[in-house]
Every structure is written in C-alpha cells, then in structure tokens.
C-alpha cells in the first residue's frame, strides 16, 4: 500500500509540473512544439530511434525559441548566455516532462503515420 501511495504522490507531482510547463506556455511556444513533434514523428522511421529523435527535437525546439526571441527584439549577443543560464536553472522535473511529452507525441504521430500508411498496402 505504501508503494501505491508513493506512486500516486509521484504522479501528482508530475501532473503539477505538466500543468506548470504547458499551462503557462504562450501560444507561439505551443505551436512551435506541435510543429517540431509532428515533423519528428513523421520523420521517425524506427521506434528504436525514439530517444535520439526526441533529444534532437528538444534541441530544435530550443533553437526555434531562440530565433523567436530574436524576432521579438531580444539582443542576439546576450541570448547564448541567457539561454544557458535558463537551462542551468531548469529543474530535472521540467526536463523530464518536456522529454516525455515530446517522446509520447512523436511516438503517437509515428504510429498513426504507419497505421494510415499501411492501409493502402
């Protein structure tokens, strides 16, 4: 019973992090996330590469966010330092939520693409 209580507490904390990460995101960030994960899911050829594709998808998302910051008027010379500082203070829970969310959606898009694509064969 204690294990169940522990798992419930962990899931509750993870849900809170999910709501903080994605509930507080601006529309542009959510659209960028969606575009990156859908494109990654469509490009994924084998589920054994899901971890690598998710990792690179997170990097692409980060770079797109930096580009968006420049478009909004941020000083390009200070962005590397600011981005590195923001990454260093990001919690493991936040990184885990981003990674799992990206991996799940990429896997779903990949599965849907393969299911729909195999209907004609």
PDB file of N, CA and C in Angstrom:
ATOM      1  N   UNK A   1       0.821  -1.197   0.000  1.00  0.00           N
ATOM      2  CA  UNK A   1       0.000   0.000   0.000  1.00  0.00           C
ATOM      3  C   UNK A   1       0.866   1.263   0.000  1.00  0.00           C
ATOM      4  N   UNK A   2       2.012   1.161   0.690  1.00  0.00           N
ATOM      5  CA  UNK A   2       2.905   2.310   0.746  1.00  0.00           C
ATOM      6  C   UNK A   2       3.488   2.628  -0.633  1.00  0.00           C
ATOM      7  N   UNK A   3       3.736   1.566  -1.414  1.00  0.00           N
ATOM      8  CA  UNK A   3       4.246   1.772  -2.771  1.00  0.00           C
ATOM      9  C   UNK A   3       3.215   2.508  -3.607  1.00  0.00           C
ATOM     10  N   UNK A   4       1.953   2.125  -3.482  1.00  0.00           N
ATOM     11  CA  UNK A   4       0.879   2.779  -4.219  1.00  0.00           C
ATOM     12  C   UNK A   4       0.773   4.254  -3.840  1.00  0.00           C
ATOM     13  N   UNK A   5       0.883   4.562  -2.552  1.00  0.00           N
ATOM     14  CA  UNK A   5       0.851   5.956  -2.103  1.00  0.00           C
ATOM     15  C   UNK A   5       2.028   6.737  -2.666  1.00  0.00           C
ATOM     16  N   UNK A   6       3.198   6.112  -2.709  1.00  0.00           N
ATOM     17  CA  UNK A   6       4.381   6.761  -3.270  1.00  0.00           C
ATOM     18  C   UNK A   6       4.218   7.041  -4.748  1.00  0.00           C
ATOM     19  N   UNK A   7       3.696   6.059  -5.493  1.00  0.00           N
ATOM     20  CA  UNK A   7       3.460   6.249  -6.927  1.00  0.00           C
ATOM     21  C   UNK A   7       2.411   7.329  -7.177  1.00  0.00           C
ATOM     22  N   UNK A   8       1.390   7.347  -6.375  1.00  0.00           N
ATOM     23  CA  UNK A   8       0.356   8.373  -6.507  1.00  0.00           C
ATOM     24  C   UNK A   8       0.943   9.760  -6.262  1.00  0.00           C
ATOM     25  N   UNK A   9       1.805   9.885  -5.275  1.00  0.00           N
ATOM     26  CA  UNK A   9       2.437  11.175  -4.982  1.00  0.00           C
ATOM     27  C   UNK A   9       3.326  11.618  -6.136  1.00  0.00           C
ATOM     28  N   UNK A  10       4.085  10.666  -6.702  1.00  0.00           N
ATOM     29  CA  UNK A  10       4.952  10.999  -7.839  1.00  0.00           C
ATOM     30  C   UNK A  10       4.127  11.437  -9.034  1.00  0.00           C
ATOM     31  N   UNK A  11       3.058  10.705  -9.330  1.00  0.00           N
ATOM     32  CA  UNK A  11       2.193  11.079 -10.457  1.00  0.00           C
ATOM     33  C   UNK A  11       1.552  12.447 -10.231  1.00  0.00           C
ATOM     34  N   UNK A  12       1.168  12.732  -8.996  1.00  0.00           N
ATOM     35  CA  UNK A  12       0.600  14.038  -8.677  1.00  0.00           C
ATOM     36  C   UNK A  12       1.598  15.157  -8.901  1.00  0.00           C
ATOM     37  N   UNK A  13       2.839  14.937  -8.490  1.00  0.00           N
ATOM     38  CA  UNK A  13       3.879  15.942  -8.709  1.00  0.00           C
ATOM     39  C   UNK A  13       4.156  16.136 -10.191  1.00  0.00           C
ATOM     40  N   UNK A  14       4.207  15.029 -10.929  1.00  0.00           N
ATOM     41  CA  UNK A  14       4.445  15.118 -12.374  1.00  0.00           C
ATOM     42  C   UNK A  14       3.310  15.871 -13.061  1.00  0.00           C
ATOM     43  N   UNK A  15       2.074  15.630 -12.650  1.00  0.00           N
ATOM     44  CA  UNK A  15       0.940  16.327 -13.246  1.00  0.00           C
ATOM     45  C   UNK A  15       1.033  17.829 -12.967  1.00  0.00           C
ATOM     46  N   UNK A  16       1.443  18.193 -11.770  1.00  0.00           N
ATOM     47  CA  UNK A  16       1.611  19.602 -11.428  1.00  0.00           C
ATOM     48  C   UNK A  16       2.677  20.236 -12.319  1.00  0.00           C
ATOM     49  N   UNK A  17       3.774  19.521 -12.537  1.00  0.00           N
ATOM     50  CA  UNK A  17       4.830  20.038 -13.408  1.00  0.00           C
ATOM     51  C   UNK A  17       4.313  20.180 -14.831  1.00  0.00           C
ATOM     52  N   UNK A  18       3.559  19.184 -15.317  1.00  0.00           N
ATOM     53  CA  UNK A  18       2.987  19.256 -16.670  1.00  0.00           C
ATOM     54  C   UNK A  18       2.120  20.502 -16.808  1.00  0.00           C
ATOM     55  N   UNK A  19       1.279  20.743 -15.832  1.00  0.00           N
ATOM     56  CA  UNK A  19       0.391  21.913 -15.893  1.00  0.00           C
ATOM     57  C   UNK A  19       1.194  23.213 -15.842  1.00  0.00           C
ATOM     58  N   UNK A  20       2.273  23.244 -15.062  1.00  0.00           N
ATOM     59  CA  UNK A  20       3.111  24.443 -14.996  1.00  0.00           C
ATOM     60  C   UNK A  20       3.868  24.671 -16.296  1.00  0.00           C
ATOM     61  N   UNK A  21       4.386  23.599 -16.876  1.00  0.00           N
ATOM     62  CA  UNK A  21       5.184  23.726 -18.094  1.00  0.00           C
ATOM     63  C   UNK A  21       4.307  24.086 -19.289  1.00  0.00           C
ATOM     64  N   UNK A  22       3.239  23.343 -19.496  1.00  0.00           N
ATOM     65  CA  UNK A  22       2.433  23.547 -20.702  1.00  0.00           C
ATOM     66  C   UNK A  22       1.272  24.509 -20.483  1.00  0.00           C
ATOM     67  N   UNK A  23       0.791  24.620 -19.275  1.00  0.00           N
ATOM     68  CA  UNK A  23      -0.301  25.551 -18.998  1.00  0.00           C
ATOM     69  C   UNK A  23       0.147  26.999 -19.035  1.00  0.00           C
ATOM     70  N   UNK A  24       1.410  27.237 -18.727  1.00  0.00           N
ATOM     71  CA  UNK A  24       1.933  28.602 -18.721  1.00  0.00           C
ATOM     72  C   UNK A  24       2.623  29.005 -20.006  1.00  0.00           C
ATOM     73  N   UNK A  25       2.669  28.109 -20.982  1.00  0.00           N
ATOM     74  CA  UNK A  25       3.363  28.399 -22.241  1.00  0.00           C
ATOM     75  C   UNK A  25       2.514  29.320 -23.112  1.00  0.00           C
ATOM     76  N   UNK A  26       3.206  30.199 -23.831  1.00  0.00           N
ATOM     77  CA  UNK A  26       2.489  31.080 -24.754  1.00  0.00           C
ATOM     78  C   UNK A  26       2.102  30.303 -26.019  1.00  0.00           C
ATOM     79  N   UNK A  27       1.209  30.866 -26.784  1.00  0.00           N
ATOM     80  CA  UNK A  27       0.676  30.195 -27.973  1.00  0.00           C
ATOM     81  C   UNK A  27       1.767  29.876 -28.980  1.00  0.00           C
ATOM     82  N   UNK A  28       2.692  30.794 -29.185  1.00  0.00           N
ATOM     83  CA  UNK A  28       3.767  30.561 -30.153  1.00  0.00           C
ATOM     84  C   UNK A  28       4.603  29.347 -29.733  1.00  0.00           C
ATOM     85  N   UNK A  29       4.927  29.241 -28.457  1.00  0.00           N
ATOM     86  CA  UNK A  29       5.710  28.093 -27.969  1.00  0.00           C
ATOM     87  C   UNK A  29       4.960  26.790 -28.199  1.00  0.00           C
ATOM     88  N   UNK A  30       3.666  26.794 -27.921  1.00  0.00           N
ATOM     89  CA  UNK A  30       2.869  25.579 -28.123  1.00  0.00           C
ATOM     90  C   UNK A  30       2.807  25.194 -29.601  1.00  0.00           C
ATOM     91  N   UNK A  31       2.674  26.190 -30.483  1.00  0.00           N
ATOM     92  CA  UNK A  31       2.652  25.914 -31.925  1.00  0.00           C
ATOM     93  C   UNK A  31       4.005  25.381 -32.370  1.00  0.00           C
ATOM     94  N   UNK A  32       5.102  25.991 -31.883  1.00  0.00           N
ATOM     95  CA  UNK A  32       6.434  25.502 -32.228  1.00  0.00           C
ATOM     96  C   UNK A  32       6.623  24.060 -31.761  1.00  0.00           C
ATOM     97  N   UNK A  33       6.179  23.760 -30.539  1.00  0.00           N
ATOM     98  CA  UNK A  33       6.266  22.395 -30.024  1.00  0.00           C
ATOM     99  C   UNK A  33       5.514  21.432 -30.931  1.00  0.00           C
ATOM    100  N   UNK A  34       4.292  21.811 -31.277  1.00  0.00           N
ATOM    101  CA  UNK A  34       3.461  20.946 -32.110  1.00  0.00           C
ATOM    102  C   UNK A  34       4.104  20.694 -33.467  1.00  0.00           C
ATOM    103  N   UNK A  35       4.615  21.738 -34.085  1.00  0.00           N
ATOM    104  CA  UNK A  35       5.258  21.591 -35.399  1.00  0.00           C
ATOM    105  C   UNK A  35       6.477  20.671 -35.297  1.00  0.00           C
ATOM    106  N   UNK A  36       7.292  20.875 -34.268  1.00  0.00           N
ATOM    107  CA  UNK A  36       8.503  20.065 -34.111  1.00  0.00           C
ATOM    108  C   UNK A  36       8.160  18.601 -33.856  1.00  0.00           C
ATOM    109  N   UNK A  37       7.222  18.326 -32.957  1.00  0.00           N
ATOM    110  CA  UNK A  37       6.931  16.919 -32.643  1.00  0.00           C
ATOM    111  C   UNK A  37       6.210  16.212 -33.788  1.00  0.00           C
ATOM    112  N   UNK A  38       5.339  16.920 -34.500  1.00  0.00           N
ATOM    113  CA  UNK A  38       4.663  16.290 -35.645  1.00  0.00           C
ATOM    114  C   UNK A  38       5.683  16.002 -36.747  1.00  0.00           C
ATOM    115  N   UNK A  39       6.547  16.965 -37.049  1.00  0.00           N
ATOM    116  CA  UNK A  39       7.575  16.740 -38.071  1.00  0.00           C
ATOM    117  C   UNK A  39       8.505  15.602 -37.658  1.00  0.00           C
ATOM    118  N   UNK A  40       8.864  15.556 -36.397  1.00  0.00           N
ATOM    119  CA  UNK A  40       9.744  14.489 -35.910  1.00  0.00           C
ATOM    120  C   UNK A  40       9.054  13.136 -35.979  1.00  0.00           C
ATOM    121  N   UNK A  41       7.780  13.086 -35.630  1.00  0.00           N
ATOM    122  CA  UNK A  41       7.022  11.845 -35.713  1.00  0.00           C
ATOM    123  C   UNK A  41       6.897  11.349 -37.137  1.00  0.00           C
ATOM    124  N   UNK A  42       6.750  12.278 -38.071  1.00  0.00           N
ATOM    125  CA  UNK A  42       6.650  11.901 -39.479  1.00  0.00           C
ATOM    126  C   UNK A  42       7.995  11.417 -40.024  1.00  0.00           C
ATOM    127  N   UNK A  43       9.086  11.959 -39.492  1.00  0.00           N
ATOM    128  CA  UNK A  43      10.429  11.585 -39.954  1.00  0.00           C
ATOM    129  C   UNK A  43      10.968  10.330 -39.272  1.00  0.00           C
ATOM    130  N   UNK A  44      10.392   9.961 -38.140  1.00  0.00           N
ATOM    131  CA  UNK A  44      10.870   8.786 -37.396  1.00  0.00           C
ATOM    132  C   UNK A  44      10.577   7.527 -38.203  1.00  0.00           C
ATOM    133  N   UNK A  45      11.629   6.784 -38.520  1.00  0.00           N
ATOM    134  CA  UNK A  45      11.450   5.584 -39.326  1.00  0.00           C
ATOM    135  C   UNK A  45      11.377   4.322 -38.490  1.00  0.00           C
ATOM    136  N   UNK A  46      11.956   4.374 -37.290  1.00  0.00           N
ATOM    137  CA  UNK A  46      12.010   3.179 -36.456  1.00  0.00           C
ATOM    138  C   UNK A  46      11.895   3.607 -34.995  1.00  0.00           C
ATOM    139  N   UNK A  47      11.012   2.956 -34.254  1.00  0.00           N
ATOM    140  CA  UNK A  47      10.792   3.324 -32.850  1.00  0.00           C
ATOM    141  C   UNK A  47      12.046   3.152 -31.994  1.00  0.00           C
ATOM    142  N   UNK A  48      13.007   2.373 -32.448  1.00  0.00           N
ATOM    143  CA  UNK A  48      14.233   2.203 -31.680  1.00  0.00           C
ATOM    144  C   UNK A  48      15.053   3.496 -31.626  1.00  0.00           C
ATOM    145  N   UNK A  49      14.737   4.447 -32.479  1.00  0.00           N
ATOM    146  CA  UNK A  49      15.443   5.729 -32.513  1.00  0.00           C
ATOM    147  C   UNK A  49      14.650   6.840 -31.810  1.00  0.00           C
ATOM    148  N   UNK A  50      13.613   6.469 -31.073  1.00  0.00           N
ATOM    149  CA  UNK A  50      12.753   7.459 -30.425  1.00  0.00           C
ATOM    150  C   UNK A  50      13.521   8.361 -29.469  1.00  0.00           C
ATOM    151  N   UNK A  51      14.421   7.814 -28.688  1.00  0.00           N
ATOM    152  CA  UNK A  51      15.172   8.620 -27.719  1.00  0.00           C
ATOM    153  C   UNK A  51      16.032   9.651 -28.449  1.00  0.00           C
ATOM    154  N   UNK A  52      16.742   9.228 -29.489  1.00  0.00           N
ATOM    155  CA  UNK A  52      17.583  10.156 -30.239  1.00  0.00           C
ATOM    156  C   UNK A  52      16.755  11.232 -30.930  1.00  0.00           C
ATOM    157  N   UNK A  53      15.662  10.840 -31.544  1.00  0.00           N
ATOM    158  CA  UNK A  53      14.811  11.809 -32.243  1.00  0.00           C
ATOM    159  C   UNK A  53      14.208  12.791 -31.250  1.00  0.00           C
ATOM    160  N   UNK A  54      13.803  12.315 -30.091  1.00  0.00           N
ATOM    161  CA  UNK A  54      13.246  13.203 -29.064  1.00  0.00           C
ATOM    162  C   UNK A  54      14.296  14.193 -28.591  1.00  0.00           C
ATOM    163  N   UNK A  55      15.509  13.726 -28.343  1.00  0.00           N
ATOM    164  CA  UNK A  55      16.598  14.603 -27.917  1.00  0.00           C
ATOM    165  C   UNK A  55      16.831  15.723 -28.933  1.00  0.00           C
ATOM    166  N   UNK A  56      16.959  15.349 -30.205  1.00  0.00           N
ATOM    167  CA  UNK A  56      17.206  16.354 -31.235  1.00  0.00           C
ATOM    168  C   UNK A  56      15.993  17.254 -31.445  1.00  0.00           C
ATOM    169  N   UNK A  57      14.802  16.731 -31.235  1.00  0.00           N
ATOM    170  CA  UNK A  57      13.595  17.558 -31.342  1.00  0.00           C
ATOM    171  C   UNK A  57      13.591  18.643 -30.271  1.00  0.00           C
ATOM    172  N   UNK A  58      14.027  18.292 -29.075  1.00  0.00           N
ATOM    173  CA  UNK A  58      14.114  19.286 -28.000  1.00  0.00           C
ATOM    174  C   UNK A  58      15.140  20.364 -28.339  1.00  0.00           C
ATOM    175  N   UNK A  59      16.244  19.960 -28.952  1.00  0.00           N
ATOM    176  CA  UNK A  59      17.252  20.942 -29.357  1.00  0.00           C
ATOM    177  C   UNK A  59      16.697  21.865 -30.439  1.00  0.00           C
ATOM    178  N   UNK A  60      16.025  21.298 -31.419  1.00  0.00           N
ATOM    179  CA  UNK A  60      15.415  22.118 -32.484  1.00  0.00           C
ATOM    180  C   UNK A  60      14.390  23.081 -31.882  1.00  0.00           C
ATOM    181  N   UNK A  61      13.579  22.595 -30.961  1.00  0.00           N
ATOM    182  CA  UNK A  61      12.597  23.449 -30.304  1.00  0.00           C
ATOM    183  C   UNK A  61      13.294  24.602 -29.577  1.00  0.00           C
ATOM    184  N   UNK A  62      14.369  24.298 -28.869  1.00  0.00           N
ATOM    185  CA  UNK A  62      15.118  25.345 -28.171  1.00  0.00           C
ATOM    186  C   UNK A  62      15.681  26.378 -29.129  1.00  0.00           C
ATOM    187  N   UNK A  63      16.221  25.926 -30.253  1.00  0.00           N
ATOM    188  CA  UNK A  63      16.767  26.858 -31.242  1.00  0.00           C
ATOM    189  C   UNK A  63      15.667  27.720 -31.874  1.00  0.00           C
ATOM    190  N   UNK A  64      14.511  27.108 -32.115  1.00  0.00           N
ATOM    191  CA  UNK A  64      13.389  27.888 -32.650  1.00  0.00           C
ATOM    192  C   UNK A  64      12.911  28.934 -31.645  1.00  0.00           C
ATOM    193  N   UNK A  65      12.924  28.580 -30.369  1.00  0.00           N
ATOM    194  CA  UNK A  65      12.558  29.550 -29.320  1.00  0.00           C
ATOM    195  C   UNK A  65      13.558  30.704 -29.282  1.00  0.00           C
ATOM    196  N   UNK A  66      14.840  30.394 -29.462  1.00  0.00           N
ATOM    197  CA  UNK A  66      15.852  31.454 -29.516  1.00  0.00           C
ATOM    198  C   UNK A  66      15.616  32.360 -30.724  1.00  0.00           C
ATOM    199  N   UNK A  67      15.321  31.755 -31.869  1.00  0.00           N
ATOM    200  CA  UNK A  67      15.037  32.552 -33.070  1.00  0.00           C
ATOM    201  C   UNK A  67      13.812  33.426 -32.854  1.00  0.00           C
ATOM    202  N   UNK A  68      12.805  32.893 -32.218  1.00  0.00           N
ATOM    203  CA  UNK A  68      11.605  33.670 -31.919  1.00  0.00           C
ATOM    204  C   UNK A  68      11.921  34.839 -30.984  1.00  0.00           C
ATOM    205  N   UNK A  69      12.803  34.612 -30.028  1.00  0.00           N
ATOM    206  CA  UNK A  69      13.211  35.689 -29.116  1.00  0.00           C
ATOM    207  C   UNK A  69      13.895  36.816 -29.881  1.00  0.00           C
ATOM    208  N   UNK A  70      14.714  36.451 -30.868  1.00  0.00           N
ATOM    209  CA  UNK A  70      15.380  37.471 -31.687  1.00  0.00           C
ATOM    210  C   UNK A  70      14.360  38.246 -32.499  1.00  0.00           C
ATOM    211  N   UNK A  71      13.388  37.533 -33.063  1.00  0.00           N
ATOM    212  CA  UNK A  71      12.331  38.199 -33.843  1.00  0.00           C
ATOM    213  C   UNK A  71      11.550  39.173 -32.962  1.00  0.00           C
ATOM    214  N   UNK A  72      11.353  38.799 -31.695  1.00  0.00           N
ATOM    215  CA  UNK A  72      10.626  39.675 -30.777  1.00  0.00           C
ATOM    216  C   UNK A  72      11.468  40.852 -30.302  1.00  0.00           C
ATOM    217  N   UNK A  73      12.760  40.877 -30.647  1.00  0.00           N
ATOM    218  CA  UNK A  73      13.584  42.025 -30.303  1.00  0.00           C
ATOM    219  C   UNK A  73      14.660  41.777 -29.271  1.00  0.00           C
ATOM    220  N   UNK A  74      14.898  40.525 -28.897  1.00  0.00           N
ATOM    221  CA  UNK A  74      15.956  40.234 -27.928  1.00  0.00           C
ATOM    222  C   UNK A  74      17.320  40.496 -28.555  1.00  0.00           C
ATOM    223  N   UNK A  75      18.270  40.874 -27.732  1.00  0.00           N
ATOM    224  CA  UNK A  75      19.633  41.134 -28.195  1.00  0.00           C
ATOM    225  C   UNK A  75      20.315  39.808 -28.520  1.00  0.00           C
ATOM    226  N   UNK A  76      20.669  39.579 -29.780  1.00  0.00           N
ATOM    227  CA  UNK A  76      21.272  38.301 -30.165  1.00  0.00           C
ATOM    228  C   UNK A  76      22.602  38.016 -29.454  1.00  0.00           C
ATOM    229  N   UNK A  77      23.310  39.059 -29.042  1.00  0.00           N
ATOM    230  CA  UNK A  77      24.603  38.860 -28.401  1.00  0.00           C
ATOM    231  C   UNK A  77      24.478  38.323 -26.980  1.00  0.00           C
ATOM    232  N   UNK A  78      23.358  38.601 -26.323  1.00  0.00           N
ATOM    233  CA  UNK A  78      23.177  38.130 -24.951  1.00  0.00           C
ATOM    234  C   UNK A  78      22.394  36.817 -24.877  1.00  0.00           C
ATOM    235  N   UNK A  79      21.821  36.389 -26.001  1.00  0.00           N
ATOM    236  CA  UNK A  79      20.991  35.172 -25.985  1.00  0.00           C
ATOM    237  C   UNK A  79      21.731  33.901 -25.570  1.00  0.00           C
ATOM    238  N   UNK A  80      22.954  33.651 -26.055  1.00  0.00           N
ATOM    239  CA  UNK A  80      23.618  32.412 -25.610  1.00  0.00           C
ATOM    240  C   UNK A  80      23.781  32.339 -24.090  1.00  0.00           C
ATOM    241  N   UNK A  81      24.179  33.436 -23.490  1.00  0.00           N
ATOM    242  CA  UNK A  81      24.352  33.451 -22.037  1.00  0.00           C
ATOM    243  C   UNK A  81      23.021  33.285 -21.328  1.00  0.00           C
ATOM    244  N   UNK A  82      22.009  33.989 -21.799  1.00  0.00           N
ATOM    245  CA  UNK A  82      20.678  33.896 -21.191  1.00  0.00           C
ATOM    246  C   UNK A  82      20.110  32.486 -21.336  1.00  0.00           C
ATOM    247  N   UNK A  83      20.242  31.905 -22.527  1.00  0.00           N
ATOM    248  CA  UNK A  83      19.713  30.560 -22.768  1.00  0.00           C
ATOM    249  C   UNK A  83      20.434  29.542 -21.884  1.00  0.00           C
ATOM    250  N   UNK A  84      21.746  29.659 -21.774  1.00  0.00           N
ATOM    251  CA  UNK A  84      22.496  28.720 -20.946  1.00  0.00           C
ATOM    252  C   UNK A  84      22.101  28.854 -19.484  1.00  0.00           C
ATOM    253  N   UNK A  85      21.933  30.083 -19.019  1.00  0.00           N
ATOM    254  CA  UNK A  85      21.522  30.318 -17.643  1.00  0.00           C
ATOM    255  C   UNK A  85      20.140  29.726 -17.384  1.00  0.00           C
ATOM    256  N   UNK A  86      19.219  29.934 -18.313  1.00  0.00           N
ATOM    257  CA  UNK A  86      17.863  29.381 -18.158  1.00  0.00           C
ATOM    258  C   UNK A  86      17.878  27.858 -18.142  1.00  0.00           C
ATOM    259  N   UNK A  87      18.734  27.253 -18.959  1.00  0.00           N
ATOM    260  CA  UNK A  87      18.824  25.800 -18.982  1.00  0.00           C
ATOM    261  C   UNK A  87      19.407  25.266 -17.669  1.00  0.00           C
ATOM    262  N   UNK A  88      20.390  25.978 -17.120  1.00  0.00           N
ATOM    263  CA  UNK A  88      21.017  25.527 -15.870  1.00  0.00           C
ATOM    264  C   UNK A  88      20.044  25.566 -14.694  1.00  0.00           C
ATOM    265  N   UNK A  89      19.108  26.506 -14.704  1.00  0.00           N
ATOM    266  CA  UNK A  89      18.181  26.610 -13.575  1.00  0.00           C
ATOM    267  C   UNK A  89      16.904  25.796 -13.785  1.00  0.00           C
ATOM    268  N   UNK A  90      16.781  25.168 -14.953  1.00  0.00           N
ATOM    269  CA  UNK A  90      15.610  24.335 -15.224  1.00  0.00           C
ATOM    270  C   UNK A  90      15.680  23.079 -14.360  1.00  0.00           C
ATOM    271  N   UNK A  91      14.565  22.712 -13.772  1.00  0.00           N
ATOM    272  CA  UNK A  91      14.559  21.550 -12.883  1.00  0.00           C
ATOM    273  C   UNK A  91      14.565  20.247 -13.681  1.00  0.00           C
ATOM    274  N   UNK A  92      15.014  19.198 -13.043  1.00  0.00           N
ATOM    275  CA  UNK A  92      15.013  17.868 -13.658  1.00  0.00           C
ATOM    276  C   UNK A  92      13.580  17.455 -13.986  1.00  0.00           C
ATOM    277  N   UNK A  93      12.643  17.825 -13.116  1.00  0.00           N
ATOM    278  CA  UNK A  93      11.239  17.515 -13.369  1.00  0.00           C
ATOM    279  C   UNK A  93      10.730  18.163 -14.650  1.00  0.00           C
ATOM    280  N   UNK A  94      11.088  19.435 -14.857  1.00  0.00           N
ATOM    281  CA  UNK A  94      10.677  20.126 -16.084  1.00  0.00           C
ATOM    282  C   UNK A  94      11.283  19.456 -17.318  1.00  0.00           C
ATOM    283  N   UNK A  95      12.577  19.154 -17.250  1.00  0.00           N
ATOM    284  CA  UNK A  95      13.236  18.489 -18.382  1.00  0.00           C
ATOM    285  C   UNK A  95      12.610  17.124 -18.665  1.00  0.00           C
ATOM    286  N   UNK A  96      12.286  16.396 -17.610  1.00  0.00           N
ATOM    287  CA  UNK A  96      11.665  15.076 -17.763  1.00  0.00           C
ATOM    288  C   UNK A  96      10.296  15.204 -18.423  1.00  0.00           C
ATOM    289  N   UNK A  97       9.514  16.182 -17.979  1.00  0.00           N
ATOM    290  CA  UNK A  97       8.183  16.386 -18.563  1.00  0.00           C
ATOM    291  C   UNK A  97       8.292  16.748 -20.039  1.00  0.00           C
ATOM    292  N   UNK A  98       9.191  17.674 -20.378  1.00  0.00           N
ATOM    293  CA  UNK A  98       9.385  18.021 -21.786  1.00  0.00           C
ATOM    294  C   UNK A  98       9.773  16.774 -22.588  1.00  0.00           C
ATOM    295  N   UNK A  99      10.747  16.019 -22.080  1.00  0.00           N
ATOM    296  CA  UNK A  99      11.227  14.853 -22.809  1.00  0.00           C
ATOM    297  C   UNK A  99      10.114  13.823 -22.998  1.00  0.00           C
ATOM    298  N   UNK A 100       9.407  13.513 -21.928  1.00  0.00           N
ATOM    299  CA  UNK A 100       8.338  12.510 -22.028  1.00  0.00           C
ATOM    300  C   UNK A 100       7.200  12.978 -22.927  1.00  0.00           C
ATOM    301  N   UNK A 101       6.820  14.240 -22.815  1.00  0.00           N
ATOM    302  CA  UNK A 101       5.732  14.765 -23.656  1.00  0.00           C
ATOM    303  C   UNK A 101       6.123  14.712 -25.128  1.00  0.00           C
ATOM    304  N   UNK A 102       7.343  15.155 -25.432  1.00  0.00           N
ATOM    305  CA  UNK A 102       7.802  15.100 -26.821  1.00  0.00           C
ATOM    306  C   UNK A 102       7.846  13.660 -27.306  1.00  0.00           C
ATOM    307  N   UNK A 103       8.403  12.745 -26.493  1.00  0.00           N
ATOM    308  CA  UNK A 103       8.525  11.345 -26.903  1.00  0.00           C
ATOM    309  C   UNK A 103       7.156  10.709 -27.144  1.00  0.00           C
ATOM    310  N   UNK A 104       6.213  10.987 -26.276  1.00  0.00           N
ATOM    311  CA  UNK A 104       4.874  10.398 -26.420  1.00  0.00           C
ATOM    312  C   UNK A 104       4.194  10.889 -27.691  1.00  0.00           C
ATOM    313  N   UNK A 105       4.242  12.183 -27.936  1.00  0.00           N
ATOM    314  CA  UNK A 105       3.573  12.717 -29.130  1.00  0.00           C
ATOM    315  C   UNK A 105       4.292  12.265 -30.400  1.00  0.00           C
ATOM    316  N   UNK A 106       5.621  12.237 -30.384  1.00  0.00           N
ATOM    317  CA  UNK A 106       6.363  11.751 -31.551  1.00  0.00           C
ATOM    318  C   UNK A 106       5.987  10.289 -31.830  1.00  0.00           C
ATOM    319  N   UNK A 107       5.924   9.467 -30.796  1.00  0.00           N
ATOM    320  CA  UNK A 107       5.556   8.061 -30.968  1.00  0.00           C
ATOM    321  C   UNK A 107       4.131   7.922 -31.496  1.00  0.00           C
ATOM    322  N   UNK A 108       3.212   8.744 -30.996  1.00  0.00           N
ATOM    323  CA  UNK A 108       1.825   8.698 -31.488  1.00  0.00           C
ATOM    324  C   UNK A 108       1.746   9.082 -32.965  1.00  0.00           C
ATOM    325  N   UNK A 109       2.431  10.151 -33.347  1.00  0.00           N
ATOM    326  CA  UNK A 109       2.417  10.581 -34.752  1.00  0.00           C
ATOM    327  C   UNK A 109       3.026   9.493 -35.626  1.00  0.00           C
ATOM    328  N   UNK A 110       4.120   8.910 -35.180  1.00  0.00           N
ATOM    329  CA  UNK A 110       4.768   7.822 -35.929  1.00  0.00           C
ATOM    330  C   UNK A 110       3.812   6.636 -36.100  1.00  0.00           C
ATOM    331  N   UNK A 111       3.144   6.255 -35.026  1.00  0.00           N
ATOM    332  CA  UNK A 111       2.216   5.128 -35.064  1.00  0.00           C
ATOM    333  C   UNK A 111       1.039   5.420 -35.995  1.00  0.00           C
ATOM    334  N   UNK A 112       0.488   6.617 -35.895  1.00  0.00           N
ATOM    335  CA  UNK A 112      -0.631   6.998 -36.768  1.00  0.00           C
ATOM    336  C   UNK A 112      -0.188   6.996 -38.229  1.00  0.00           C
ATOM    337  N   UNK A 113       1.004   7.557 -38.491  1.00  0.00           N
ATOM    338  CA  UNK A 113       1.510   7.592 -39.865  1.00  0.00           C
ATOM    339  C   UNK A 113       1.678   6.183 -40.408  1.00  0.00           C
ATOM    340  N   UNK A 114       2.236   5.289 -39.600  1.00  0.00           N
ATOM    341  CA  UNK A 114       2.430   3.914 -40.068  1.00  0.00           C
ATOM    342  C   UNK A 114       1.109   3.186 -40.246  1.00  0.00           C
ATOM    343  N   UNK A 115       0.150   3.439 -39.369  1.00  0.00           N
ATOM    344  CA  UNK A 115      -1.161   2.795 -39.467  1.00  0.00           C
ATOM    345  C   UNK A 115      -1.906   3.285 -40.705  1.00  0.00           C
ATOM    346  N   UNK A 116      -1.933   4.585 -40.915  1.00  0.00           N
ATOM    347  CA  UNK A 116      -2.625   5.150 -42.079  1.00  0.00           C
ATOM    348  C   UNK A 116      -1.881   4.785 -43.351  1.00  0.00           C
ATOM    349  N   UNK A 117      -0.558   4.823 -43.300  1.00  0.00           N
ATOM    350  CA  UNK A 117       0.251   4.493 -44.481  1.00  0.00           C
ATOM    351  C   UNK A 117       0.138   3.046 -44.893  1.00  0.00           C
ATOM    352  N   UNK A 118      -0.088   2.160 -43.943  1.00  0.00           N
ATOM    353  CA  UNK A 118      -0.161   0.719 -44.281  1.00  0.00           C
ATOM    354  C   UNK A 118      -1.551   0.306 -44.744  1.00  0.00           C
ATOM    355  N   UNK A 119      -2.519   1.202 -44.658  1.00  0.00           N
ATOM    356  CA  UNK A 119      -3.885   0.874 -45.089  1.00  0.00           C
ATOM    357  C   UNK A 119      -3.949   0.619 -46.589  1.00  0.00           C
ATOM    358  N   UNK A 120      -3.117   1.286 -47.356  1.00  0.00           N
ATOM    359  CA  UNK A 120      -3.150   1.133 -48.802  1.00  0.00           C
ATOM    360  C   UNK A 120      -2.358  -0.064 -49.298  1.00  0.00           C
ATOM    361  N   UNK A 121      -1.618  -0.742 -48.417  1.00  0.00           N
ATOM    362  CA  UNK A 121      -0.767  -1.850 -48.845  1.00  0.00           C
ATOM    363  C   UNK A 121      -1.370  -3.171 -48.475  1.00  0.00           C
TER     364      UNK A 121
END
